[in-house]
Amino acid sequence: MTYITKGNKYLTINDVGLSYKIYNGRKWFTFIITENMCLHFLGEFILTKKLGGNIHKIKNKKKSNLKKKK
C-alpha cells in the first residue's frame, strides 16, 4: 500500500493490481488500479468537492432563550 498526497502520478500498465491510498485534503481513499485506469492520472479518480444540492447553504441556528439580566 502506497500513500500519495498529490494526484499527479501517471498510471502505467505496471501499476495494475497495486493499491494506493490517496489524500484529497479531507480523507484517505483506497484505490486498486485496474486496466481501465491506465494512461490516466491518479487525481482524476478523486472527488474533492461534495456532491449534491447547495453545498454553501447556511443552516439556521436556533436562538437560545437566554434570560436577560436586570
C-alpha atoms as a PDB file:
ATOM      1  CA  MET A   1       0.000   0.000   0.000  1.00  0.00           C
ATOM      2  CA  THR A   2       1.447   3.313  -1.089  1.00  0.00           C
ATOM      3  CA  TYR A   3       0.346   6.643   0.400  1.00  0.00           C
ATOM      4  CA  ILE A   4       0.107   9.558  -2.049  1.00  0.00           C
ATOM      5  CA  THR A   5      -0.842  13.143  -1.178  1.00  0.00           C
ATOM      6  CA  LYS A   6      -0.899  14.520  -4.737  1.00  0.00           C
ATOM      7  CA  GLY A   7      -2.828  13.075  -7.644  1.00  0.00           C
ATOM      8  CA  ASN A   8      -0.245  13.796 -10.319  1.00  0.00           C
ATOM      9  CA  LYS A   9       1.044  10.213 -10.607  1.00  0.00           C
ATOM     10  CA  TYR A  10       0.645   8.861 -14.118  1.00  0.00           C
ATOM     11  CA  LEU A  11      -0.698   5.277 -14.118  1.00  0.00           C
ATOM     12  CA  THR A  12       1.002   2.726 -16.345  1.00  0.00           C
ATOM     13  CA  ILE A  13       0.407  -0.936 -17.121  1.00  0.00           C
ATOM     14  CA  ASN A  14       2.951  -1.863 -14.435  1.00  0.00           C
ATOM     15  CA  ASP A  15       0.645  -0.372 -11.765  1.00  0.00           C
ATOM     16  CA  VAL A  16      -2.295  -2.725 -12.478  1.00  0.00           C
ATOM     17  CA  GLY A  17      -3.251  -4.636  -9.337  1.00  0.00           C
ATOM     18  CA  LEU A  18      -1.441  -2.281  -6.944  1.00  0.00           C
ATOM     19  CA  SER A  19      -3.328  -0.423  -4.246  1.00  0.00           C
ATOM     20  CA  TYR A  20      -2.848   3.234  -3.391  1.00  0.00           C
ATOM     21  CA  LYS A  21      -4.156   5.455  -0.604  1.00  0.00           C
ATOM     22  CA  ILE A  22      -4.733   8.970  -1.910  1.00  0.00           C
ATOM     23  CA  TYR A  23      -5.413  12.054   0.215  1.00  0.00           C
ATOM     24  CA  ASN A  24      -7.923  14.586  -1.117  1.00  0.00           C
ATOM     25  CA  GLY A  25      -7.468  17.150   1.644  1.00  0.00           C
ATOM     26  CA  ARG A  26     -10.040  15.628   3.977  1.00  0.00           C
ATOM     27  CA  LYS A  27      -9.923  11.815   3.768  1.00  0.00           C
ATOM     28  CA  TRP A  28      -7.726   8.979   2.579  1.00  0.00           C
ATOM     29  CA  PHE A  29      -9.261   6.980  -0.291  1.00  0.00           C
ATOM     30  CA  THR A  30      -8.105   3.485  -1.202  1.00  0.00           C
ATOM     31  CA  PHE A  31      -7.836   2.528  -4.861  1.00  0.00           C
ATOM     32  CA  ILE A  32      -6.921  -0.734  -6.535  1.00  0.00           C
ATOM     33  CA  ILE A  33      -5.677   0.023 -10.032  1.00  0.00           C
ATOM     34  CA  THR A  34      -7.454  -1.743 -12.897  1.00  0.00           C
ATOM     35  CA  GLU A  35      -6.699  -1.884 -16.620  1.00  0.00           C
ATOM     36  CA  ASN A  36      -9.290   0.815 -17.356  1.00  0.00           C
ATOM     37  CA  MET A  37      -7.399   3.307 -15.179  1.00  0.00           C
ATOM     38  CA  CYS A  38      -4.156   3.008 -17.155  1.00  0.00           C
ATOM     39  CA  LEU A  39      -2.854   6.051 -19.042  1.00  0.00           C
ATOM     40  CA  HIS A  40      -4.686   8.436 -16.684  1.00  0.00           C
ATOM     41  CA  PHE A  41      -3.553  10.472 -13.714  1.00  0.00           C
ATOM     42  CA  LEU A  42      -4.434   9.257 -10.248  1.00  0.00           C
ATOM     43  CA  GLY A  43      -6.067  12.589  -9.403  1.00  0.00           C
ATOM     44  CA  GLU A  44      -8.810  12.020 -11.990  1.00  0.00           C
ATOM     45  CA  PHE A  45     -10.422   9.411  -9.728  1.00  0.00           C
ATOM     46  CA  ILE A  46     -10.541  11.529  -6.543  1.00  0.00           C
ATOM     47  CA  LEU A  47     -13.546  13.617  -5.542  1.00  0.00           C
ATOM     48  CA  THR A  48     -12.521  16.863  -3.870  1.00  0.00           C
ATOM     49  CA  LYS A  49     -15.935  18.518  -3.566  1.00  0.00           C
ATOM     50  CA  LYS A  50     -19.209  17.406  -2.057  1.00  0.00           C
ATOM     51  CA  LEU A  51     -21.820  16.145  -4.468  1.00  0.00           C
ATOM     52  CA  GLY A  52     -25.434  17.130  -4.198  1.00  0.00           C
ATOM     53  CA  GLY A  53     -27.502  20.245  -3.693  1.00  0.00           C
ATOM     54  CA  ASN A  54     -26.407  23.584  -2.362  1.00  0.00           C
ATOM     55  CA  ILE A  55     -23.041  22.981  -0.697  1.00  0.00           C
ATOM     56  CA  HIS A  56     -22.802  26.545   0.638  1.00  0.00           C
ATOM     57  CA  LYS A  57     -26.185  26.506   2.346  1.00  0.00           C
ATOM     58  CA  ILE A  58     -26.186  28.279   5.695  1.00  0.00           C
ATOM     59  CA  LYS A  59     -28.029  26.424   8.411  1.00  0.00           C
ATOM     60  CA  ASN A  60     -30.370  28.476  10.523  1.00  0.00           C
ATOM     61  CA  LYS A  61     -29.260  28.486  14.112  1.00  0.00           C
ATOM     62  CA  LYS A  62     -31.923  28.345  16.757  1.00  0.00           C
ATOM     63  CA  LYS A  63     -31.728  31.237  19.146  1.00  0.00           C
ATOM     64  CA  SER A  64     -31.407  30.111  22.699  1.00  0.00           C
ATOM     65  CA  ASN A  65     -33.735  31.738  25.185  1.00  0.00           C
ATOM     66  CA  LEU A  66     -31.324  33.444  27.495  1.00  0.00           C
ATOM     67  CA  LYS A  67     -32.636  35.285  30.486  1.00  0.00           C
ATOM     68  CA  LYS A  68     -31.757  38.915  30.420  1.00  0.00           C
ATOM     69  CA  LYS A  69     -30.109  40.335  33.475  1.00  0.00           C
ATOM     70  CA  LYS A  70     -31.946  43.254  35.041  1.00  0.00           C
END
